[in-house]
Amino acid sequence: GGKILESDKQYVCQNHRVQRDQSGH
């Protein structure tokens, strides 16, 4: 039920998160 957002390369849910872990992945 979150908002779908359009960015320059993708369409993604506002609740999608991407982070680097301590090893850089």
PDB file of all heavy atoms in Angstrom:
ATOM      1  N   GLY A   1       0.788  -1.229   0.000  1.00  0.00           N
ATOM      2  CA  GLY A   1       0.000   0.000   0.000  1.00  0.00           C
ATOM      3  C   GLY A   1       0.820   1.280   0.000  1.00  0.00           C
ATOM      4  O   GLY A   1       0.268   2.366   0.065  1.00  0.00           O
ATOM      5  N   GLY A   2       2.154   1.169  -0.083  1.00  0.00           N
ATOM      6  CA  GLY A   2       3.012   2.350  -0.150  1.00  0.00           C
ATOM      7  C   GLY A   2       2.911   3.012  -1.518  1.00  0.00           C
ATOM      8  O   GLY A   2       2.274   2.496  -2.440  1.00  0.00           O
ATOM      9  N   LYS A   3       3.540   4.146  -1.665  1.00  0.00           N
ATOM     10  CA  LYS A   3       3.537   4.863  -2.941  1.00  0.00           C
ATOM     11  C   LYS A   3       4.582   4.242  -3.868  1.00  0.00           C
ATOM     12  O   LYS A   3       5.690   3.942  -3.442  1.00  0.00           O
ATOM     13  CB  LYS A   3       3.881   6.329  -2.735  1.00  0.00           C
ATOM     14  CG  LYS A   3       2.885   7.077  -1.899  1.00  0.00           C
ATOM     15  CD  LYS A   3       3.377   8.489  -1.631  1.00  0.00           C
ATOM     16  CE  LYS A   3       2.446   9.205  -0.670  1.00  0.00           C
ATOM     17  NZ  LYS A   3       2.983  10.519  -0.298  1.00  0.00           N
ATOM     18  N   ILE A   4       4.219   4.072  -5.151  1.00  0.00           N
ATOM     19  CA  ILE A   4       5.187   3.658  -6.163  1.00  0.00           C
ATOM     20  C   ILE A   4       5.781   4.935  -6.738  1.00  0.00           C
ATOM     21  O   ILE A   4       5.058   5.823  -7.177  1.00  0.00           O
ATOM     22  CB  ILE A   4       4.548   2.817  -7.280  1.00  0.00           C
ATOM     23  CG1 ILE A   4       3.977   1.514  -6.718  1.00  0.00           C
ATOM     24  CG2 ILE A   4       5.564   2.524  -8.386  1.00  0.00           C
ATOM     25  CD1 ILE A   4       5.009   0.567  -6.151  1.00  0.00           C
ATOM     26  N   LEU A   5       7.109   5.028  -6.711  1.00  0.00           N
ATOM     27  CA  LEU A   5       7.811   6.218  -7.161  1.00  0.00           C
ATOM     28  C   LEU A   5       8.595   5.918  -8.436  1.00  0.00           C
ATOM     29  O   LEU A   5       9.150   4.831  -8.589  1.00  0.00           O
ATOM     30  CB  LEU A   5       8.768   6.703  -6.071  1.00  0.00           C
ATOM     31  CG  LEU A   5       8.135   6.976  -4.708  1.00  0.00           C
ATOM     32  CD1 LEU A   5       9.210   7.301  -3.687  1.00  0.00           C
ATOM     33  CD2 LEU A   5       7.115   8.085  -4.792  1.00  0.00           C
ATOM     34  N   GLU A   6       8.654   6.902  -9.319  1.00  0.00           N
ATOM     35  CA  GLU A   6       9.446   6.785 -10.540  1.00  0.00           C
ATOM     36  C   GLU A   6      10.741   7.545 -10.330  1.00  0.00           C
ATOM     37  O   GLU A   6      10.733   8.718 -10.000  1.00  0.00           O
ATOM     38  CB  GLU A   6       8.693   7.388 -11.720  1.00  0.00           C
ATOM     39  CG  GLU A   6       9.505   7.369 -12.998  1.00  0.00           C
ATOM     40  CD  GLU A   6       8.847   8.132 -14.134  1.00  0.00           C
ATOM     41  OE1 GLU A   6       7.982   8.974 -13.879  1.00  0.00           O
ATOM     42  OE2 GLU A   6       9.239   7.877 -15.285  1.00  0.00           O
ATOM     43  N   SER A   7      11.880   6.868 -10.508  1.00  0.00           N
ATOM     44  CA  SER A   7      13.182   7.536 -10.457  1.00  0.00           C
ATOM     45  C   SER A   7      13.781   7.476 -11.858  1.00  0.00           C
ATOM     46  O   SER A   7      13.113   7.092 -12.809  1.00  0.00           O
ATOM     47  CB  SER A   7      14.089   6.887  -9.414  1.00  0.00           C
ATOM     48  OG  SER A   7      14.469   5.592  -9.830  1.00  0.00           O
ATOM     49  N   ASP A   8      15.044   7.815 -11.980  1.00  0.00           N
ATOM     50  CA  ASP A   8      15.652   7.838 -13.307  1.00  0.00           C
ATOM     51  C   ASP A   8      15.824   6.452 -13.923  1.00  0.00           C
ATOM     52  O   ASP A   8      15.797   6.305 -15.134  1.00  0.00           O
ATOM     53  CB  ASP A   8      16.987   8.583 -13.283  1.00  0.00           C
ATOM     54  CG  ASP A   8      17.977   7.977 -12.316  1.00  0.00           C
ATOM     55  OD1 ASP A   8      17.559   7.282 -11.370  1.00  0.00           O
ATOM     56  OD2 ASP A   8      19.181   8.192 -12.493  1.00  0.00           O
ATOM     57  N   LYS A   9      15.965   5.386 -13.111  1.00  0.00           N
ATOM     58  CA  LYS A   9      16.225   4.059 -13.659  1.00  0.00           C
ATOM     59  C   LYS A   9      15.197   3.000 -13.290  1.00  0.00           C
ATOM     60  O   LYS A   9      15.249   1.892 -13.806  1.00  0.00           O
ATOM     61  CB  LYS A   9      17.601   3.573 -13.197  1.00  0.00           C
ATOM     62  CG  LYS A   9      18.733   4.390 -13.749  1.00  0.00           C
ATOM     63  CD  LYS A   9      20.057   3.835 -13.334  1.00  0.00           C
ATOM     64  CE  LYS A   9      21.164   4.712 -13.891  1.00  0.00           C
ATOM     65  NZ  LYS A   9      22.479   4.253 -13.513  1.00  0.00           N
ATOM     66  N   GLN A  10      14.291   3.321 -12.365  1.00  0.00           N
ATOM     67  CA  GLN A  10      13.362   2.285 -11.926  1.00  0.00           C
ATOM     68  C   GLN A  10      12.069   2.863 -11.362  1.00  0.00           C
ATOM     69  O   GLN A  10      11.977   4.049 -11.080  1.00  0.00           O
ATOM     70  CB  GLN A  10      14.031   1.398 -10.871  1.00  0.00           C
ATOM     71  CG  GLN A  10      14.399   2.134  -9.597  1.00  0.00           C
ATOM     72  CD  GLN A  10      15.174   1.263  -8.635  1.00  0.00           C
ATOM     73  OE1 GLN A  10      15.290   0.061  -8.829  1.00  0.00           O
ATOM     74  NE2 GLN A  10      15.686   1.839  -7.582  1.00  0.00           N
ATOM     75  N   TYR A  11      11.093   1.965 -11.200  1.00  0.00           N
ATOM     76  CA  TYR A  11       9.861   2.242 -10.480  1.00  0.00           C
ATOM     77  C   TYR A  11       9.977   1.428  -9.197  1.00  0.00           C
ATOM     78  O   TYR A  11      10.247   0.225  -9.246  1.00  0.00           O
ATOM     79  CB  TYR A  11       8.643   1.785 -11.275  1.00  0.00           C
ATOM     80  CG  TYR A  11       8.554   2.390 -12.661  1.00  0.00           C
ATOM     81  CD1 TYR A  11       8.961   1.679 -13.778  1.00  0.00           C
ATOM     82  CD2 TYR A  11       8.048   3.670 -12.854  1.00  0.00           C
ATOM     83  CE1 TYR A  11       8.865   2.224 -15.049  1.00  0.00           C
ATOM     84  CE2 TYR A  11       7.959   4.228 -14.118  1.00  0.00           C
ATOM     85  CZ  TYR A  11       8.367   3.495 -15.210  1.00  0.00           C
ATOM     86  OH  TYR A  11       8.279   4.043 -16.461  1.00  0.00           O
ATOM     87  N   VAL A  12       9.782   2.058  -8.039  1.00  0.00           N
ATOM     88  CA  VAL A  12      10.066   1.368  -6.782  1.00  0.00           C
ATOM     89  C   VAL A  12       9.099   1.823  -5.695  1.00  0.00           C
ATOM     90  O   VAL A  12       8.649   2.970  -5.685  1.00  0.00           O
ATOM     91  CB  VAL A  12      11.542   1.613  -6.368  1.00  0.00           C
ATOM     92  CG1 VAL A  12      11.796   3.079  -6.080  1.00  0.00           C
ATOM     93  CG2 VAL A  12      11.955   0.754  -5.205  1.00  0.00           C
ATOM     94  N   CYS A  13       8.789   0.923  -4.771  1.00  0.00           N
ATOM     95  CA  CYS A  13       7.939   1.259  -3.631  1.00  0.00           C
ATOM     96  C   CYS A  13       8.723   2.155  -2.671  1.00  0.00           C
ATOM     97  O   CYS A  13       9.919   1.958  -2.472  1.00  0.00           O
ATOM     98  CB  CYS A  13       7.496  -0.010  -2.908  1.00  0.00           C
ATOM     99  SG  CYS A  13       6.460   0.311  -1.453  1.00  0.00           S
ATOM    100  N   GLN A  14       8.030   3.119  -2.087  1.00  0.00           N
ATOM    101  CA  GLN A  14       8.691   4.029  -1.146  1.00  0.00           C
ATOM    102  C   GLN A  14       9.245   3.294   0.070  1.00  0.00           C
ATOM    103  O   GLN A  14      10.137   3.785   0.755  1.00  0.00           O
ATOM    104  CB  GLN A  14       7.727   5.117  -0.679  1.00  0.00           C
ATOM    105  CG  GLN A  14       6.640   4.610   0.247  1.00  0.00           C
ATOM    106  CD  GLN A  14       5.696   5.701   0.707  1.00  0.00           C
ATOM    107  OE1 GLN A  14       5.533   6.701   0.043  1.00  0.00           O
ATOM    108  NE2 GLN A  14       5.067   5.477   1.834  1.00  0.00           N
ATOM    109  N   ASN A  15       8.745   2.095   0.361  1.00  0.00           N
ATOM    110  CA  ASN A  15       9.200   1.333   1.527  1.00  0.00           C
ATOM    111  C   ASN A  15      10.335   0.363   1.210  1.00  0.00           C
ATOM    112  O   ASN A  15      10.738  -0.415   2.059  1.00  0.00           O
ATOM    113  CB  ASN A  15       8.015   0.579   2.137  1.00  0.00           C
ATOM    114  CG  ASN A  15       6.935   1.526   2.590  1.00  0.00           C
ATOM    115  OD1 ASN A  15       7.213   2.566   3.172  1.00  0.00           O
ATOM    116  ND2 ASN A  15       5.692   1.194   2.295  1.00  0.00           N
ATOM    117  N   HIS A  16      10.844   0.413  -0.009  1.00  0.00           N
ATOM    118  CA  HIS A  16      11.997  -0.406  -0.403  1.00  0.00           C
ATOM    119  C   HIS A  16      13.268   0.294   0.080  1.00  0.00           C
ATOM    120  O   HIS A  16      13.445   1.478  -0.139  1.00  0.00           O
ATOM    121  CB  HIS A  16      12.029  -0.563  -1.923  1.00  0.00           C
ATOM    122  CG  HIS A  16      13.154  -1.402  -2.413  1.00  0.00           C
ATOM    123  ND1 HIS A  16      13.108  -2.770  -2.404  1.00  0.00           N
ATOM    124  CD2 HIS A  16      14.362  -1.067  -2.911  1.00  0.00           C
ATOM    125  CE1 HIS A  16      14.231  -3.242  -2.882  1.00  0.00           C
ATOM    126  NE2 HIS A  16      15.016  -2.229  -3.202  1.00  0.00           N
ATOM    127  N   ARG A  17      14.130  -0.417   0.753  1.00  0.00           N
ATOM    128  CA  ARG A  17      15.366   0.159   1.290  1.00  0.00           C
ATOM    129  C   ARG A  17      16.569  -0.612   0.773  1.00  0.00           C
ATOM    130  O   ARG A  17      16.544  -1.827   0.662  1.00  0.00           O
ATOM    131  CB  ARG A  17      15.386   0.101   2.818  1.00  0.00           C
ATOM    132  CG  ARG A  17      14.254   0.839   3.480  1.00  0.00           C
ATOM    133  CD  ARG A  17      14.497   2.340   3.419  1.00  0.00           C
ATOM    134  NE  ARG A  17      13.432   3.065   4.048  1.00  0.00           N
ATOM    135  CZ  ARG A  17      12.434   3.661   3.403  1.00  0.00           C
ATOM    136  NH1 ARG A  17      12.379   3.619   2.107  1.00  0.00           N
ATOM    137  NH2 ARG A  17      11.494   4.302   4.045  1.00  0.00           N
ATOM    138  N   VAL A  18      17.633   0.140   0.484  1.00  0.00           N
ATOM    139  CA  VAL A  18      18.905  -0.449   0.072  1.00  0.00           C
ATOM    140  C   VAL A  18      19.994   0.240   0.876  1.00  0.00           C
ATOM    141  O   VAL A  18      20.075   1.463   0.906  1.00  0.00           O
ATOM    142  CB  VAL A  18      19.163  -0.243  -1.440  1.00  0.00           C
ATOM    143  CG1 VAL A  18      20.482  -0.850  -1.843  1.00  0.00           C
ATOM    144  CG2 VAL A  18      18.037  -0.836  -2.250  1.00  0.00           C
ATOM    145  N   GLN A  19      20.821  -0.566   1.563  1.00  0.00           N
ATOM    146  CA  GLN A  19      21.917  -0.026   2.363  1.00  0.00           C
ATOM    147  C   GLN A  19      23.136  -0.913   2.201  1.00  0.00           C
ATOM    148  O   GLN A  19      23.017  -2.096   1.927  1.00  0.00           O
ATOM    149  CB  GLN A  19      21.550   0.015   3.846  1.00  0.00           C
ATOM    150  CG  GLN A  19      20.453   0.983   4.186  1.00  0.00           C
ATOM    151  CD  GLN A  19      20.153   0.952   5.675  1.00  0.00           C
ATOM    152  OE1 GLN A  19      20.139  -0.098   6.290  1.00  0.00           O
ATOM    153  NE2 GLN A  19      19.913   2.115   6.250  1.00  0.00           N
ATOM    154  N   ARG A  20      24.296  -0.315   2.419  1.00  0.00           N
ATOM    155  CA  ARG A  20      25.541  -1.097   2.433  1.00  0.00           C
ATOM    156  C   ARG A  20      25.747  -1.666   3.834  1.00  0.00           C
ATOM    157  O   ARG A  20      25.588  -0.971   4.822  1.00  0.00           O
ATOM    158  CB  ARG A  20      26.741  -0.222   2.081  1.00  0.00           C
ATOM    159  CG  ARG A  20      26.877   0.051   0.622  1.00  0.00           C
ATOM    160  CD  ARG A  20      28.231   0.709   0.381  1.00  0.00           C
ATOM    161  NE  ARG A  20      28.276   1.289  -0.923  1.00  0.00           N
ATOM    162  CZ  ARG A  20      28.829   0.688  -1.969  1.00  0.00           C
ATOM    163  NH1 ARG A  20      29.383  -0.484  -1.841  1.00  0.00           N
ATOM    164  NH2 ARG A  20      28.826   1.267  -3.137  1.00  0.00           N
ATOM    165  N   ASP A  21      26.149  -2.945   3.877  1.00  0.00           N
ATOM    166  CA  ASP A  21      26.497  -3.521   5.175  1.00  0.00           C
ATOM    167  C   ASP A  21      27.965  -3.218   5.484  1.00  0.00           C
ATOM    168  O   ASP A  21      28.634  -2.521   4.726  1.00  0.00           O
ATOM    169  CB  ASP A  21      26.193  -5.015   5.209  1.00  0.00           C
ATOM    170  CG  ASP A  21      26.984  -5.823   4.191  1.00  0.00           C
ATOM    171  OD1 ASP A  21      27.976  -5.300   3.639  1.00  0.00           O
ATOM    172  OD2 ASP A  21      26.610  -6.972   3.945  1.00  0.00           O
ATOM    173  N   GLN A  22      28.479  -3.733   6.581  1.00  0.00           N
ATOM    174  CA  GLN A  22      29.849  -3.418   7.010  1.00  0.00           C
ATOM    175  C   GLN A  22      30.899  -3.934   6.039  1.00  0.00           C
ATOM    176  O   GLN A  22      31.976  -3.380   5.949  1.00  0.00           O
ATOM    177  CB  GLN A  22      30.098  -3.990   8.404  1.00  0.00           C
ATOM    178  CG  GLN A  22      29.278  -3.285   9.459  1.00  0.00           C
ATOM    179  CD  GLN A  22      29.453  -3.910  10.824  1.00  0.00           C
ATOM    180  OE1 GLN A  22      29.916  -5.034  10.944  1.00  0.00           O
ATOM    181  NE2 GLN A  22      29.062  -3.181  11.856  1.00  0.00           N
ATOM    182  N   SER A  23      30.570  -4.992   5.292  1.00  0.00           N
ATOM    183  CA  SER A  23      31.534  -5.524   4.329  1.00  0.00           C
ATOM    184  C   SER A  23      31.463  -4.822   2.979  1.00  0.00           C
ATOM    185  O   SER A  23      32.204  -5.161   2.072  1.00  0.00           O
ATOM    186  CB  SER A  23      31.311  -7.029   4.157  1.00  0.00           C
ATOM    187  OG  SER A  23      30.035  -7.262   3.594  1.00  0.00           O
ATOM    188  N   GLY A  24      30.543  -3.846   2.829  1.00  0.00           N
ATOM    189  CA  GLY A  24      30.444  -3.089   1.597  1.00  0.00           C
ATOM    190  C   GLY A  24      29.458  -3.638   0.586  1.00  0.00           C
ATOM    191  O   GLY A  24      29.323  -3.103  -0.505  1.00  0.00           O
ATOM    192  N   HIS A  25      28.759  -4.719   0.929  1.00  0.00           N
ATOM    193  CA  HIS A  25      27.774  -5.300   0.028  1.00  0.00           C
ATOM    194  C   HIS A  25      26.424  -4.616   0.227  1.00  0.00           C
ATOM    195  O   HIS A  25      26.082  -4.191   1.316  1.00  0.00           O
ATOM    196  CB  HIS A  25      27.620  -6.804   0.290  1.00  0.00           C
ATOM    197  CG  HIS A  25      28.850  -7.571  -0.019  1.00  0.00           C
ATOM    198  ND1 HIS A  25      29.814  -7.856   0.929  1.00  0.00           N
ATOM    199  CD2 HIS A  25      29.301  -8.103  -1.178  1.00  0.00           C
ATOM    200  CE1 HIS A  25      30.783  -8.532   0.380  1.00  0.00           C
ATOM    201  NE2 HIS A  25      30.511  -8.696  -0.901  1.00  0.00           N
TER     202      HIS A  25
END
